[in-house]
Structure formats: structure tokens, C-alpha cells
């Protein structure tokens, strides 16, 4: 692996790098441990999912949001779950439901 020089340069577009503590002893370039300073993962939820949830919450406030069996939804948590479910069915970027 090609070890970059110390100085906080960008490496392969992964974010900024820094050298983990050397303490009292000095380390050579081959002994340097590099860690990214910020997460390299993208967002969990896409913009479309956010829009669907906003719409479901708006319908909840208006009193027009219905559950699968036709009952009126009164819980904010249930409204969010319905919005995410709608987003999933439309193909938006939403993580899978946890397996029970």
C-alpha cells in the first residue's frame, strides 16, 4: 500500500487523513497508521424518502392519512412508517425493514 506523506492531503477522495498518535517515540513512514477523519458512507435515506415522509406527516396533521385497513392514523411514528413504506414501494433509497 502506498503510504501518503503526513500533512492532511486527500487520498483517493476518501476525506482528510491524519496520523494517529506517536507519543514519545518517533515512527518511520512505514509505521504510520492512517485513519479517515470523516465517514465515507453516503446518506441512509434518499431525498425521495424524505419527501414521502413529509407528505405522510402533512396528511396526518390534516387527518386524511389512513392505515392499510382504512383506519385513521393518529400516531406520528405510524405516519413516518407509512411514508417510508410508500417510498420503498416507489423505489426510493430506504434501508430494508428490520426482520422481527
C-alpha atoms as a PDB file:
ATOM      1  CA  UNK A   1       0.000   0.000   0.000  1.00  0.00           C
ATOM      2  CA  UNK A   2       1.262   3.446  -0.891  1.00  0.00           C
ATOM      3  CA  UNK A   3       1.567   5.457   2.362  1.00  0.00           C
ATOM      4  CA  UNK A   4       0.985   9.217   1.829  1.00  0.00           C
ATOM      5  CA  UNK A   5       3.165  11.878   3.429  1.00  0.00           C
ATOM      6  CA  UNK A   6       1.972  13.431   6.700  1.00  0.00           C
ATOM      7  CA  UNK A   7       0.195  16.729   6.039  1.00  0.00           C
ATOM      8  CA  UNK A   8      -3.536  16.030   5.778  1.00  0.00           C
ATOM      9  CA  UNK A   9      -3.721  15.634   1.996  1.00  0.00           C
ATOM     10  CA  UNK A  10      -6.693  13.978   0.359  1.00  0.00           C
ATOM     11  CA  UNK A  11      -6.111  10.328  -0.555  1.00  0.00           C
ATOM     12  CA  UNK A  12      -8.292   8.666  -3.211  1.00  0.00           C
ATOM     13  CA  UNK A  13     -11.119  11.145  -2.474  1.00  0.00           C
ATOM     14  CA  UNK A  14     -11.902   9.460   0.849  1.00  0.00           C
ATOM     15  CA  UNK A  15     -11.594  12.560   3.036  1.00  0.00           C
ATOM     16  CA  UNK A  16      -8.809  14.030   5.100  1.00  0.00           C
ATOM     17  CA  UNK A  17      -6.269  11.783   6.789  1.00  0.00           C
ATOM     18  CA  UNK A  18      -4.267  12.279   9.947  1.00  0.00           C
ATOM     19  CA  UNK A  19      -1.517  10.376  11.725  1.00  0.00           C
ATOM     20  CA  UNK A  20      -2.550   8.555  14.882  1.00  0.00           C
ATOM     21  CA  UNK A  21      -0.504   9.412  17.998  1.00  0.00           C
ATOM     22  CA  UNK A  22       3.197   8.747  18.088  1.00  0.00           C
ATOM     23  CA  UNK A  23       3.616   9.544  21.792  1.00  0.00           C
ATOM     24  CA  UNK A  24       7.258   9.850  22.918  1.00  0.00           C
ATOM     25  CA  UNK A  25       8.734   7.570  20.259  1.00  0.00           C
ATOM     26  CA  UNK A  26       9.239   8.502  16.625  1.00  0.00           C
ATOM     27  CA  UNK A  27       7.712   6.358  13.859  1.00  0.00           C
ATOM     28  CA  UNK A  28       9.041   5.946  10.358  1.00  0.00           C
ATOM     29  CA  UNK A  29       6.758   6.474   7.364  1.00  0.00           C
ATOM     30  CA  UNK A  30       6.174   2.726   7.008  1.00  0.00           C
ATOM     31  CA  UNK A  31       4.882   2.514  10.617  1.00  0.00           C
ATOM     32  CA  UNK A  32       2.395   5.390  10.316  1.00  0.00           C
ATOM     33  CA  UNK A  33      -1.242   4.381  10.915  1.00  0.00           C
ATOM     34  CA  UNK A  34      -3.703   6.335   8.793  1.00  0.00           C
ATOM     35  CA  UNK A  35      -7.384   6.796   9.602  1.00  0.00           C
ATOM     36  CA  UNK A  36     -10.047   8.820   7.763  1.00  0.00           C
ATOM     37  CA  UNK A  37     -11.304  11.811   9.767  1.00  0.00           C
ATOM     38  CA  UNK A  38     -14.850  11.612   8.452  1.00  0.00           C
ATOM     39  CA  UNK A  39     -17.269   8.929   7.414  1.00  0.00           C
ATOM     40  CA  UNK A  40     -17.027   7.647   3.856  1.00  0.00           C
ATOM     41  CA  UNK A  41     -20.601   6.361   3.757  1.00  0.00           C
ATOM     42  CA  UNK A  42     -23.394   8.157   1.957  1.00  0.00           C
ATOM     43  CA  UNK A  43     -26.738   9.039   3.485  1.00  0.00           C
ATOM     44  CA  UNK A  44     -29.042   6.189   4.532  1.00  0.00           C
ATOM     45  CA  UNK A  45     -32.199   7.785   3.146  1.00  0.00           C
ATOM     46  CA  UNK A  46     -32.652   9.490  -0.212  1.00  0.00           C
ATOM     47  CA  UNK A  47     -34.410  12.788  -0.967  1.00  0.00           C
ATOM     48  CA  UNK A  48     -37.476  10.960  -2.296  1.00  0.00           C
ATOM     49  CA  UNK A  49     -37.887   9.123   1.016  1.00  0.00           C
ATOM     50  CA  UNK A  50     -37.760  12.407   2.912  1.00  0.00           C
ATOM     51  CA  UNK A  51     -40.413  13.897   0.622  1.00  0.00           C
ATOM     52  CA  UNK A  52     -42.718  10.873   1.088  1.00  0.00           C
ATOM     53  CA  UNK A  53     -42.425  11.053   4.892  1.00  0.00           C
ATOM     54  CA  UNK A  54     -43.125  14.806   4.830  1.00  0.00           C
ATOM     55  CA  UNK A  55     -46.261  14.126   2.783  1.00  0.00           C
ATOM     56  CA  UNK A  56     -47.435  11.429   5.187  1.00  0.00           C
ATOM     57  CA  UNK A  57     -46.927  13.740   8.180  1.00  0.00           C
ATOM     58  CA  UNK A  58     -48.835  16.502   6.397  1.00  0.00           C
ATOM     59  CA  UNK A  59     -51.741  14.100   5.757  1.00  0.00           C
ATOM     60  CA  UNK A  60     -51.600  13.053   9.427  1.00  0.00           C
ATOM     61  CA  UNK A  61     -51.976  16.678  10.520  1.00  0.00           C
ATOM     62  CA  UNK A  62     -54.873  17.199   8.096  1.00  0.00           C
ATOM     63  CA  UNK A  63     -56.492  13.995   9.358  1.00  0.00           C
ATOM     64  CA  UNK A  64     -56.612  12.309   5.954  1.00  0.00           C
ATOM     65  CA  UNK A  65     -53.922   9.646   6.490  1.00  0.00           C
ATOM     66  CA  UNK A  66     -55.322   6.113   6.589  1.00  0.00           C
ATOM     67  CA  UNK A  67     -53.610   2.857   7.514  1.00  0.00           C
ATOM     68  CA  UNK A  68     -53.755  -0.322   5.437  1.00  0.00           C
ATOM     69  CA  UNK A  69     -57.106  -1.383   6.911  1.00  0.00           C
ATOM     70  CA  UNK A  70     -58.666   2.057   6.369  1.00  0.00           C
ATOM     71  CA  UNK A  71     -58.487   3.290   9.965  1.00  0.00           C
ATOM     72  CA  UNK A  72     -57.436   6.877  10.626  1.00  0.00           C
ATOM     73  CA  UNK A  73     -53.793   7.174  11.727  1.00  0.00           C
ATOM     74  CA  UNK A  74     -53.243   9.127  14.962  1.00  0.00           C
ATOM     75  CA  UNK A  75     -49.619   8.249  15.774  1.00  0.00           C
ATOM     76  CA  UNK A  76     -46.682  10.253  14.396  1.00  0.00           C
ATOM     77  CA  UNK A  77     -44.487   7.127  14.415  1.00  0.00           C
ATOM     78  CA  UNK A  78     -47.043   5.227  12.344  1.00  0.00           C
ATOM     79  CA  UNK A  79     -47.227   8.133   9.880  1.00  0.00           C
ATOM     80  CA  UNK A  80     -43.435   8.024   9.432  1.00  0.00           C
ATOM     81  CA  UNK A  81     -43.583   4.244   8.909  1.00  0.00           C
ATOM     82  CA  UNK A  82     -46.292   4.677   6.265  1.00  0.00           C
ATOM     83  CA  UNK A  83     -44.211   7.355   4.495  1.00  0.00           C
ATOM     84  CA  UNK A  84     -41.134   5.100   4.427  1.00  0.00           C
ATOM     85  CA  UNK A  85     -43.212   2.179   3.205  1.00  0.00           C
ATOM     86  CA  UNK A  86     -44.616   4.308   0.345  1.00  0.00           C
ATOM     87  CA  UNK A  87     -41.080   5.416  -0.535  1.00  0.00           C
ATOM     88  CA  UNK A  88     -39.874   1.779  -0.586  1.00  0.00           C
ATOM     89  CA  UNK A  89     -42.686   0.759  -2.912  1.00  0.00           C
ATOM     90  CA  UNK A  90     -41.781   3.627  -5.288  1.00  0.00           C
ATOM     91  CA  UNK A  91     -38.130   2.502  -5.336  1.00  0.00           C
ATOM     92  CA  UNK A  92     -36.584   5.306  -3.231  1.00  0.00           C
ATOM     93  CA  UNK A  93     -33.342   4.827  -1.309  1.00  0.00           C
ATOM     94  CA  UNK A  94     -34.597   3.472   2.037  1.00  0.00           C
ATOM     95  CA  UNK A  95     -32.979   0.742   4.181  1.00  0.00           C
ATOM     96  CA  UNK A  96     -34.802  -2.578   4.456  1.00  0.00           C
ATOM     97  CA  UNK A  97     -37.267  -3.077   7.292  1.00  0.00           C
ATOM     98  CA  UNK A  98     -35.694  -4.811  10.321  1.00  0.00           C
ATOM     99  CA  UNK A  99     -36.534  -8.505  10.477  1.00  0.00           C
ATOM    100  CA  UNK A 100     -38.694  -9.330  13.503  1.00  0.00           C
END
